[in-house]
Amino acid sequence: MKRKIMAILALIAVIGTSLFFAGDKFVKAKGQEDLLTLVTVLQGENIDISGWSLHAREKIETSKLEDVQKYVQTLKTKFPDWTWQVTSTSDKWEATAKKASSQGFQENIQILSTLTMENPQTYIIYEVQGKNFTEKTEQFIKEDLKGTFSDIFRENTTIFSCIKGEFNDKMNTNLPFTVNRILDLFEAKEMESIEEENFVSTSAYSPLFADGLTTNDKEMNLQLGIRTERLGAQTTLVVGTPIITIEY
């Protein structure tokens, strides 16, 4: 059973990754407010947050590597205290930057350009992730991120927010019931679902978030996964908009 669950999780991860790079299928997200919405709803249900992340990505419309390199030099002047590294192979050029915050979270920037003869593509990706969600974290999301996004991105930025948490009391109900309760809190309508004895994964649509993507002629912008090892054990959930981006 455990192998079967891991296989399902792996499938979700593959789907999530493919959607992450399928930029044309996403509409422009409202912004980092989605992460705060996830936090507010889950904390109101007495769920202890054990991890959170915010991803933002944008396709750079240029076919010249020189333009990308100039763009990276501009970013280096805007983020001089970050640790920068540039690598290159026969098929890709990549620049990465990292910064560990004193507030307990990690920020990363990645600029990736494919070196193909036809239709070269360049993406810029920003990620911030941490464990506990504190008042300082909320202040960072509300105040600092706007300036960071302004320095990095230009337009048509797609944002992914994700939370991992644990129920701080033992579960007395089955997992499908708990999933439905969480969906109700997000005013969400279920689109697709996978159910196992100790694991449930659901894709849904919620009016609380920006429009996400269309799959099988259905619009979705929320993914939820809940699992427990055995009856009475700690129950873990991961919820993301428009898709889950945290491994678990």
C-alpha atoms as a PDB file:
ATOM      1  CA  MET A   1       0.000   0.000   0.000  1.00  0.00           C
ATOM      2  CA  LYS A   2       2.821   2.402   0.884  1.00  0.00           C
ATOM      3  CA  ARG A   3       4.428   1.817  -2.529  1.00  0.00           C
ATOM      4  CA  LYS A   4       1.110   2.506  -4.209  1.00  0.00           C
ATOM      5  CA  ILE A   5       0.718   5.780  -2.330  1.00  0.00           C
ATOM      6  CA  MET A   6       4.264   6.813  -3.237  1.00  0.00           C
ATOM      7  CA  ALA A   7       3.516   6.034  -6.889  1.00  0.00           C
ATOM      8  CA  ILE A   8       0.456   8.274  -6.757  1.00  0.00           C
ATOM      9  CA  LEU A   9       2.477  11.069  -5.141  1.00  0.00           C
ATOM     10  CA  ALA A  10       5.153  10.686  -7.803  1.00  0.00           C
ATOM     11  CA  LEU A  11       2.495  10.984 -10.506  1.00  0.00           C
ATOM     12  CA  ILE A  12       1.169  14.170  -8.905  1.00  0.00           C
ATOM     13  CA  ALA A  13       4.714  15.560  -8.797  1.00  0.00           C
ATOM     14  CA  VAL A  14       5.236  14.810 -12.492  1.00  0.00           C
ATOM     15  CA  ILE A  15       1.930  16.422 -13.416  1.00  0.00           C
ATOM     16  CA  GLY A  16       2.734  19.428 -11.254  1.00  0.00           C
ATOM     17  CA  THR A  17       6.157  19.887 -12.845  1.00  0.00           C
ATOM     18  CA  SER A  18       4.787  19.641 -16.366  1.00  0.00           C
ATOM     19  CA  LEU A  19       2.092  22.188 -15.584  1.00  0.00           C
ATOM     20  CA  PHE A  20       4.693  24.442 -14.001  1.00  0.00           C
ATOM     21  CA  PHE A  21       6.531  24.741 -17.309  1.00  0.00           C
ATOM     22  CA  ALA A  22       3.388  24.870 -19.458  1.00  0.00           C
ATOM     23  CA  GLY A  23       3.174  28.632 -19.175  1.00  0.00           C
ATOM     24  CA  ASP A  24       0.641  29.139 -21.953  1.00  0.00           C
ATOM     25  CA  LYS A  25      -1.977  27.214 -19.992  1.00  0.00           C
ATOM     26  CA  PHE A  26      -1.917  29.566 -17.022  1.00  0.00           C
ATOM     27  CA  VAL A  27      -3.509  32.945 -16.636  1.00  0.00           C
ATOM     28  CA  LYS A  28      -1.883  35.733 -14.713  1.00  0.00           C
ATOM     29  CA  ALA A  29      -2.180  35.200 -10.949  1.00  0.00           C
ATOM     30  CA  LYS A  30      -3.452  37.847  -8.544  1.00  0.00           C
ATOM     31  CA  GLY A  31      -0.257  37.781  -6.518  1.00  0.00           C
ATOM     32  CA  GLN A  32       1.273  36.729  -3.274  1.00  0.00           C
ATOM     33  CA  GLU A  33      -2.032  37.362  -1.475  1.00  0.00           C
ATOM     34  CA  ASP A  34      -3.004  33.774  -2.325  1.00  0.00           C
ATOM     35  CA  LEU A  35      -0.397  32.466   0.119  1.00  0.00           C
ATOM     36  CA  LEU A  36      -1.853  34.599   2.909  1.00  0.00           C
ATOM     37  CA  THR A  37      -5.330  33.280   2.100  1.00  0.00           C
ATOM     38  CA  LEU A  38      -4.106  29.693   2.428  1.00  0.00           C
ATOM     39  CA  VAL A  39      -2.472  30.488   5.766  1.00  0.00           C
ATOM     40  CA  THR A  40      -5.536  32.274   7.175  1.00  0.00           C
ATOM     41  CA  VAL A  41      -7.910  29.438   6.291  1.00  0.00           C
ATOM     42  CA  LEU A  42      -5.674  26.645   7.607  1.00  0.00           C
ATOM     43  CA  GLN A  43      -4.736  28.393  10.837  1.00  0.00           C
ATOM     44  CA  GLY A  44      -8.424  28.987  11.462  1.00  0.00           C
ATOM     45  CA  GLU A  45      -8.830  25.187  11.408  1.00  0.00           C
ATOM     46  CA  ASN A  46      -6.091  24.728  14.063  1.00  0.00           C
ATOM     47  CA  ILE A  47      -3.636  23.310  11.549  1.00  0.00           C
ATOM     48  CA  ASP A  48       0.035  23.747  12.442  1.00  0.00           C
ATOM     49  CA  ILE A  49       2.026  24.986   9.440  1.00  0.00           C
ATOM     50  CA  SER A  50       5.279  23.036   9.006  1.00  0.00           C
ATOM     51  CA  GLY A  51       6.320  24.384   5.608  1.00  0.00           C
ATOM     52  CA  TRP A  52       5.385  27.004   3.037  1.00  0.00           C
ATOM     53  CA  SER A  53       6.601  28.165  -0.336  1.00  0.00           C
ATOM     54  CA  LEU A  54       5.901  30.741  -2.998  1.00  0.00           C
ATOM     55  CA  HIS A  55       7.099  30.232  -6.584  1.00  0.00           C
ATOM     56  CA  ALA A  56       6.938  32.858  -9.303  1.00  0.00           C
ATOM     57  CA  ARG A  57       7.972  32.365 -12.907  1.00  0.00           C
ATOM     58  CA  GLU A  58       8.005  34.296 -16.133  1.00  0.00           C
ATOM     59  CA  LYS A  59       9.111  33.610 -19.688  1.00  0.00           C
ATOM     60  CA  ILE A  60      11.606  36.118 -21.063  1.00  0.00           C
ATOM     61  CA  GLU A  61      10.836  36.970 -24.654  1.00  0.00           C
ATOM     62  CA  THR A  62      14.274  36.982 -26.252  1.00  0.00           C
ATOM     63  CA  SER A  63      16.213  34.677 -28.552  1.00  0.00           C
ATOM     64  CA  LYS A  64      19.679  36.083 -27.777  1.00  0.00           C
ATOM     65  CA  LEU A  65      21.820  34.725 -24.969  1.00  0.00           C
ATOM     66  CA  GLU A  66      23.593  38.072 -24.799  1.00  0.00           C
ATOM     67  CA  ASP A  67      20.337  39.753 -23.765  1.00  0.00           C
ATOM     68  CA  VAL A  68      19.837  37.182 -21.015  1.00  0.00           C
ATOM     69  CA  GLN A  69      23.380  37.689 -19.735  1.00  0.00           C
ATOM     70  CA  LYS A  70      22.872  41.461 -19.623  1.00  0.00           C
ATOM     71  CA  TYR A  71      19.651  40.918 -17.712  1.00  0.00           C
ATOM     72  CA  VAL A  72      21.512  38.771 -15.172  1.00  0.00           C
ATOM     73  CA  GLN A  73      24.144  41.480 -14.731  1.00  0.00           C
ATOM     74  CA  THR A  74      21.352  43.929 -13.952  1.00  0.00           C
ATOM     75  CA  LEU A  75      19.950  41.541 -11.360  1.00  0.00           C
ATOM     76  CA  LYS A  76      23.377  41.174  -9.760  1.00  0.00           C
ATOM     77  CA  THR A  77      23.496  44.928  -9.158  1.00  0.00           C
ATOM     78  CA  LYS A  78      20.015  44.808  -7.600  1.00  0.00           C
ATOM     79  CA  PHE A  79      20.844  41.805  -5.396  1.00  0.00           C
ATOM     80  CA  PRO A  80      24.554  42.248  -4.569  1.00  0.00           C
ATOM     81  CA  ASP A  81      24.413  40.384  -1.257  1.00  0.00           C
ATOM     82  CA  TRP A  82      23.086  37.190  -2.844  1.00  0.00           C
ATOM     83  CA  THR A  83      25.387  34.280  -3.788  1.00  0.00           C
ATOM     84  CA  TRP A  84      25.504  34.033  -7.585  1.00  0.00           C
ATOM     85  CA  GLN A  85      26.636  31.148  -9.790  1.00  0.00           C
ATOM     86  CA  VAL A  86      26.653  30.697 -13.577  1.00  0.00           C
ATOM     87  CA  THR A  87      26.860  27.314 -15.320  1.00  0.00           C
ATOM     88  CA  SER A  88      26.718  26.348 -18.978  1.00  0.00           C
ATOM     89  CA  THR A  89      26.428  23.121 -20.967  1.00  0.00           C
ATOM     90  CA  SER A  90      25.957  22.344 -24.648  1.00  0.00           C
ATOM     91  CA  ASP A  91      22.194  22.718 -24.384  1.00  0.00           C
ATOM     92  CA  LYS A  92      21.538  25.222 -21.593  1.00  0.00           C
ATOM     93  CA  TRP A  93      22.846  28.312 -19.805  1.00  0.00           C
ATOM     94  CA  GLU A  94      21.855  28.924 -16.213  1.00  0.00           C
ATOM     95  CA  ALA A  95      22.391  31.576 -13.551  1.00  0.00           C
ATOM     96  CA  THR A  96      21.320  30.999  -9.949  1.00  0.00           C
ATOM     97  CA  ALA A  97      21.310  33.159  -6.841  1.00  0.00           C
ATOM     98  CA  LYS A  98      20.620  32.249  -3.223  1.00  0.00           C
ATOM     99  CA  LYS A  99      20.026  34.132  -0.015  1.00  0.00           C
ATOM    100  CA  ALA A 100      19.343  32.730   3.436  1.00  0.00           C
ATOM    101  CA  SER A 101      17.228  35.143   5.452  1.00  0.00           C
ATOM    102  CA  SER A 102      17.825  35.836   9.126  1.00  0.00           C
ATOM    103  CA  GLN A 103      14.054  35.456   9.491  1.00  0.00           C
ATOM    104  CA  GLY A 104      14.302  31.727   8.811  1.00  0.00           C
ATOM    105  CA  PHE A 105      13.507  31.283   5.131  1.00  0.00           C
ATOM    106  CA  GLN A 106      15.432  30.760   1.883  1.00  0.00           C
ATOM    107  CA  GLU A 107      15.171  32.815  -1.322  1.00  0.00           C
ATOM    108  CA  ASN A 108      16.350  31.616  -4.734  1.00  0.00           C
ATOM    109  CA  ILE A 109      16.505  33.100  -8.227  1.00  0.00           C
ATOM    110  CA  GLN A 110      17.043  30.988 -11.347  1.00  0.00           C
ATOM    111  CA  ILE A 111      17.453  32.185 -14.929  1.00  0.00           C
ATOM    112  CA  LEU A 112      17.434  29.256 -17.339  1.00  0.00           C
ATOM    113  CA  SER A 113      17.981  29.536 -21.080  1.00  0.00           C
ATOM    114  CA  THR A 114      17.911  26.641 -23.542  1.00  0.00           C
ATOM    115  CA  LEU A 115      20.674  26.776 -26.165  1.00  0.00           C
ATOM    116  CA  THR A 116      18.812  25.232 -29.084  1.00  0.00           C
ATOM    117  CA  MET A 117      19.043  26.210 -32.725  1.00  0.00           C
ATOM    118  CA  GLU A 118      15.284  26.617 -33.077  1.00  0.00           C
ATOM    119  CA  ASN A 119      12.903  28.345 -30.678  1.00  0.00           C
ATOM    120  CA  PRO A 120      15.228  28.979 -27.701  1.00  0.00           C
ATOM    121  CA  GLN A 121      13.381  29.639 -24.456  1.00  0.00           C
ATOM    122  CA  THR A 122      14.361  31.521 -21.305  1.00  0.00           C
ATOM    123  CA  TYR A 123      12.618  31.437 -17.954  1.00  0.00           C
ATOM    124  CA  ILE A 124      13.223  33.354 -14.765  1.00  0.00           C
ATOM    125  CA  ILE A 125      12.051  31.687 -11.565  1.00  0.00           C
ATOM    126  CA  TYR A 126      11.916  33.070  -8.037  1.00  0.00           C
ATOM    127  CA  GLU A 127      11.231  30.957  -4.974  1.00  0.00           C
ATOM    128  CA  VAL A 128      10.970  31.696  -1.273  1.00  0.00           C
ATOM    129  CA  GLN A 129      10.293  28.946   1.233  1.00  0.00           C
ATOM    130  CA  GLY A 130      10.379  28.391   4.953  1.00  0.00           C
ATOM    131  CA  LYS A 131       9.020  26.312   7.804  1.00  0.00           C
ATOM    132  CA  ASN A 132       7.082  28.147  10.495  1.00  0.00           C
ATOM    133  CA  PHE A 133       4.840  30.987   9.327  1.00  0.00           C
ATOM    134  CA  THR A 134       5.394  33.849  11.794  1.00  0.00           C
ATOM    135  CA  GLU A 135       4.371  37.492  11.984  1.00  0.00           C
ATOM    136  CA  LYS A 136       7.727  38.392  10.411  1.00  0.00           C
ATOM    137  CA  THR A 137       6.965  36.021   7.549  1.00  0.00           C
ATOM    138  CA  GLU A 138       3.609  37.686   6.980  1.00  0.00           C
ATOM    139  CA  GLN A 139       5.268  41.100   7.052  1.00  0.00           C
ATOM    140  CA  PHE A 140       7.814  39.928   4.473  1.00  0.00           C
ATOM    141  CA  ILE A 141       5.056  38.639   2.175  1.00  0.00           C
ATOM    142  CA  LYS A 142       3.011  41.837   2.488  1.00  0.00           C
ATOM    143  CA  GLU A 143       5.801  44.415   2.301  1.00  0.00           C
ATOM    144  CA  ASP A 144       9.112  43.110   0.945  1.00  0.00           C
ATOM    145  CA  LEU A 145       7.961  40.779  -1.828  1.00  0.00           C
ATOM    146  CA  LYS A 146       6.393  43.566  -3.877  1.00  0.00           C
ATOM    147  CA  GLY A 147       9.774  45.259  -4.283  1.00  0.00           C
ATOM    148  CA  THR A 148      11.522  41.965  -5.021  1.00  0.00           C
ATOM    149  CA  PHE A 149       9.024  41.100  -7.731  1.00  0.00           C
ATOM    150  CA  SER A 150       9.382  44.570  -9.210  1.00  0.00           C
ATOM    151  CA  ASP A 151      13.158  44.134  -9.447  1.00  0.00           C
ATOM    152  CA  ILE A 152      12.997  40.655 -10.995  1.00  0.00           C
ATOM    153  CA  PHE A 153       9.935  40.396 -13.204  1.00  0.00           C
ATOM    154  CA  ARG A 154       8.500  42.410 -16.050  1.00  0.00           C
ATOM    155  CA  GLU A 155       4.976  41.164 -16.821  1.00  0.00           C
ATOM    156  CA  ASN A 156       2.735  38.077 -17.052  1.00  0.00           C
ATOM    157  CA  THR A 157       4.186  36.546 -13.902  1.00  0.00           C
ATOM    158  CA  THR A 158       2.618  33.289 -12.725  1.00  0.00           C
ATOM    159  CA  ILE A 159       2.596  32.638  -8.971  1.00  0.00           C
ATOM    160  CA  PHE A 160       2.283  29.320  -7.131  1.00  0.00           C
ATOM    161  CA  SER A 161       1.570  29.237  -3.389  1.00  0.00           C
ATOM    162  CA  CYS A 162       1.794  26.110  -1.262  1.00  0.00           C
ATOM    163  CA  ILE A 163       1.402  25.173   2.422  1.00  0.00           C
ATOM    164  CA  LYS A 164       2.266  21.985   4.309  1.00  0.00           C
ATOM    165  CA  GLY A 165       0.721  21.416   7.717  1.00  0.00           C
ATOM    166  CA  GLU A 166      -0.417  18.998  10.377  1.00  0.00           C
ATOM    167  CA  PHE A 167      -3.642  18.793  12.328  1.00  0.00           C
ATOM    168  CA  ASN A 168      -2.731  19.557  15.927  1.00  0.00           C
ATOM    169  CA  ASP A 169      -5.177  16.967  17.306  1.00  0.00           C
ATOM    170  CA  LYS A 170      -5.958  13.362  16.446  1.00  0.00           C
ATOM    171  CA  MET A 171      -8.371  12.685  13.631  1.00  0.00           C
ATOM    172  CA  ASN A 172     -11.738  11.247  14.588  1.00  0.00           C
ATOM    173  CA  THR A 173     -13.141  11.233  11.065  1.00  0.00           C
ATOM    174  CA  ASN A 174     -12.142   9.639   7.777  1.00  0.00           C
ATOM    175  CA  LEU A 175     -10.002  11.398   5.199  1.00  0.00           C
ATOM    176  CA  PRO A 176     -12.728  12.052   2.566  1.00  0.00           C
ATOM    177  CA  PHE A 177     -14.785  13.818   5.247  1.00  0.00           C
ATOM    178  CA  THR A 178     -11.767  15.956   6.185  1.00  0.00           C
ATOM    179  CA  VAL A 179     -11.074  16.811   2.533  1.00  0.00           C
ATOM    180  CA  ASN A 180     -14.669  17.947   2.057  1.00  0.00           C
ATOM    181  CA  ARG A 181     -14.440  20.072   5.201  1.00  0.00           C
ATOM    182  CA  ILE A 182     -11.278  21.796   3.942  1.00  0.00           C
ATOM    183  CA  LEU A 183     -12.823  22.329   0.504  1.00  0.00           C
ATOM    184  CA  ASP A 184     -15.846  23.951   2.147  1.00  0.00           C
ATOM    185  CA  LEU A 185     -13.540  26.353   3.991  1.00  0.00           C
ATOM    186  CA  PHE A 186     -12.102  27.437   0.629  1.00  0.00           C
ATOM    187  CA  GLU A 187     -15.611  27.559  -0.925  1.00  0.00           C
ATOM    188  CA  ALA A 188     -14.165  25.097  -3.438  1.00  0.00           C
ATOM    189  CA  LYS A 189     -15.865  22.700  -5.828  1.00  0.00           C
ATOM    190  CA  GLU A 190     -14.133  19.367  -6.399  1.00  0.00           C
ATOM    191  CA  MET A 191     -13.050  18.637  -9.977  1.00  0.00           C
ATOM    192  CA  GLU A 192     -11.054  15.398  -9.677  1.00  0.00           C
ATOM    193  CA  SER A 193     -10.050  13.144  -6.793  1.00  0.00           C
ATOM    194  CA  ILE A 194      -7.873  10.109  -5.992  1.00  0.00           C
ATOM    195  CA  GLU A 195      -8.748   8.149  -2.853  1.00  0.00           C
ATOM    196  CA  GLU A 196      -6.738   5.483  -1.049  1.00  0.00           C
ATOM    197  CA  GLU A 197      -7.115   4.075   2.448  1.00  0.00           C
ATOM    198  CA  ASN A 198      -4.620   6.513   3.993  1.00  0.00           C
ATOM    199  CA  PHE A 199      -4.380   9.157   1.263  1.00  0.00           C
ATOM    200  CA  VAL A 200      -6.686  11.503  -0.646  1.00  0.00           C
ATOM    201  CA  SER A 201      -5.700  13.937  -3.414  1.00  0.00           C
ATOM    202  CA  THR A 202      -8.183  16.427  -4.831  1.00  0.00           C
ATOM    203  CA  SER A 203      -8.171  19.086  -7.518  1.00  0.00           C
ATOM    204  CA  ALA A 204     -10.781  21.804  -7.156  1.00  0.00           C
ATOM    205  CA  TYR A 205     -11.858  25.306  -8.105  1.00  0.00           C
ATOM    206  CA  SER A 206     -12.211  28.091  -5.521  1.00  0.00           C
ATOM    207  CA  PRO A 207     -13.425  31.669  -6.104  1.00  0.00           C
ATOM    208  CA  LEU A 208     -10.940  32.807  -3.428  1.00  0.00           C
ATOM    209  CA  PHE A 209      -8.035  32.463  -5.868  1.00  0.00           C
ATOM    210  CA  ALA A 210      -7.123  33.676  -9.330  1.00  0.00           C
ATOM    211  CA  ASP A 211      -8.144  31.518 -12.272  1.00  0.00           C
ATOM    212  CA  GLY A 212      -5.602  28.730 -12.713  1.00  0.00           C
ATOM    213  CA  LEU A 213      -5.726  26.243 -15.545  1.00  0.00           C
ATOM    214  CA  THR A 214      -8.100  24.148 -17.584  1.00  0.00           C
ATOM    215  CA  THR A 215      -7.814  20.368 -17.619  1.00  0.00           C
ATOM    216  CA  ASN A 216     -10.324  18.002 -19.226  1.00  0.00           C
ATOM    217  CA  ASP A 217     -12.487  21.046 -19.985  1.00  0.00           C
ATOM    218  CA  LYS A 218     -12.645  21.844 -16.252  1.00  0.00           C
ATOM    219  CA  GLU A 219     -11.147  24.904 -14.583  1.00  0.00           C
ATOM    220  CA  MET A 220      -9.080  24.303 -11.428  1.00  0.00           C
ATOM    221  CA  ASN A 221      -6.935  26.485  -9.182  1.00  0.00           C
ATOM    222  CA  LEU A 222      -6.557  24.455  -5.978  1.00  0.00           C
ATOM    223  CA  GLN A 223      -4.925  21.119  -5.120  1.00  0.00           C
ATOM    224  CA  LEU A 224      -5.226  19.373  -1.781  1.00  0.00           C
ATOM    225  CA  GLY A 225      -3.539  16.225  -0.486  1.00  0.00           C
ATOM    226  CA  ILE A 226      -4.147  14.627   2.929  1.00  0.00           C
ATOM    227  CA  ARG A 227      -2.557  11.482   4.310  1.00  0.00           C
ATOM    228  CA  THR A 228      -2.197   9.583   7.573  1.00  0.00           C
ATOM    229  CA  GLU A 229      -0.015   6.570   8.330  1.00  0.00           C
ATOM    230  CA  ARG A 230      -2.572   4.729  10.470  1.00  0.00           C
ATOM    231  CA  LEU A 231      -5.755   5.265  12.485  1.00  0.00           C
ATOM    232  CA  GLY A 232      -5.184   7.857  15.200  1.00  0.00           C
ATOM    233  CA  ALA A 233      -1.792   8.920  13.839  1.00  0.00           C
ATOM    234  CA  GLN A 234      -0.808  12.467  12.923  1.00  0.00           C
ATOM    235  CA  THR A 235      -2.562  13.653   9.768  1.00  0.00           C
ATOM    236  CA  THR A 236      -0.582  15.706   7.261  1.00  0.00           C
ATOM    237  CA  LEU A 237      -1.929  17.884   4.471  1.00  0.00           C
ATOM    238  CA  VAL A 238      -0.501  19.878   1.594  1.00  0.00           C
ATOM    239  CA  VAL A 239      -2.561  22.501  -0.213  1.00  0.00           C
ATOM    240  CA  GLY A 240      -1.490  24.646  -3.143  1.00  0.00           C
ATOM    241  CA  THR A 241      -2.813  27.098  -5.689  1.00  0.00           C
ATOM    242  CA  PRO A 242      -3.067  26.528  -8.546  1.00  0.00           C
ATOM    243  CA  ILE A 243      -1.093  23.280  -7.983  1.00  0.00           C
ATOM    244  CA  ILE A 244       0.919  21.627  -5.212  1.00  0.00           C
ATOM    245  CA  THR A 245       4.644  22.413  -5.416  1.00  0.00           C
ATOM    246  CA  ILE A 246       5.863  20.990  -2.078  1.00  0.00           C
ATOM    247  CA  GLU A 247       7.012  17.354  -1.962  1.00  0.00           C
ATOM    248  CA  TYR A 248       5.517  15.127   0.732  1.00  0.00           C
END
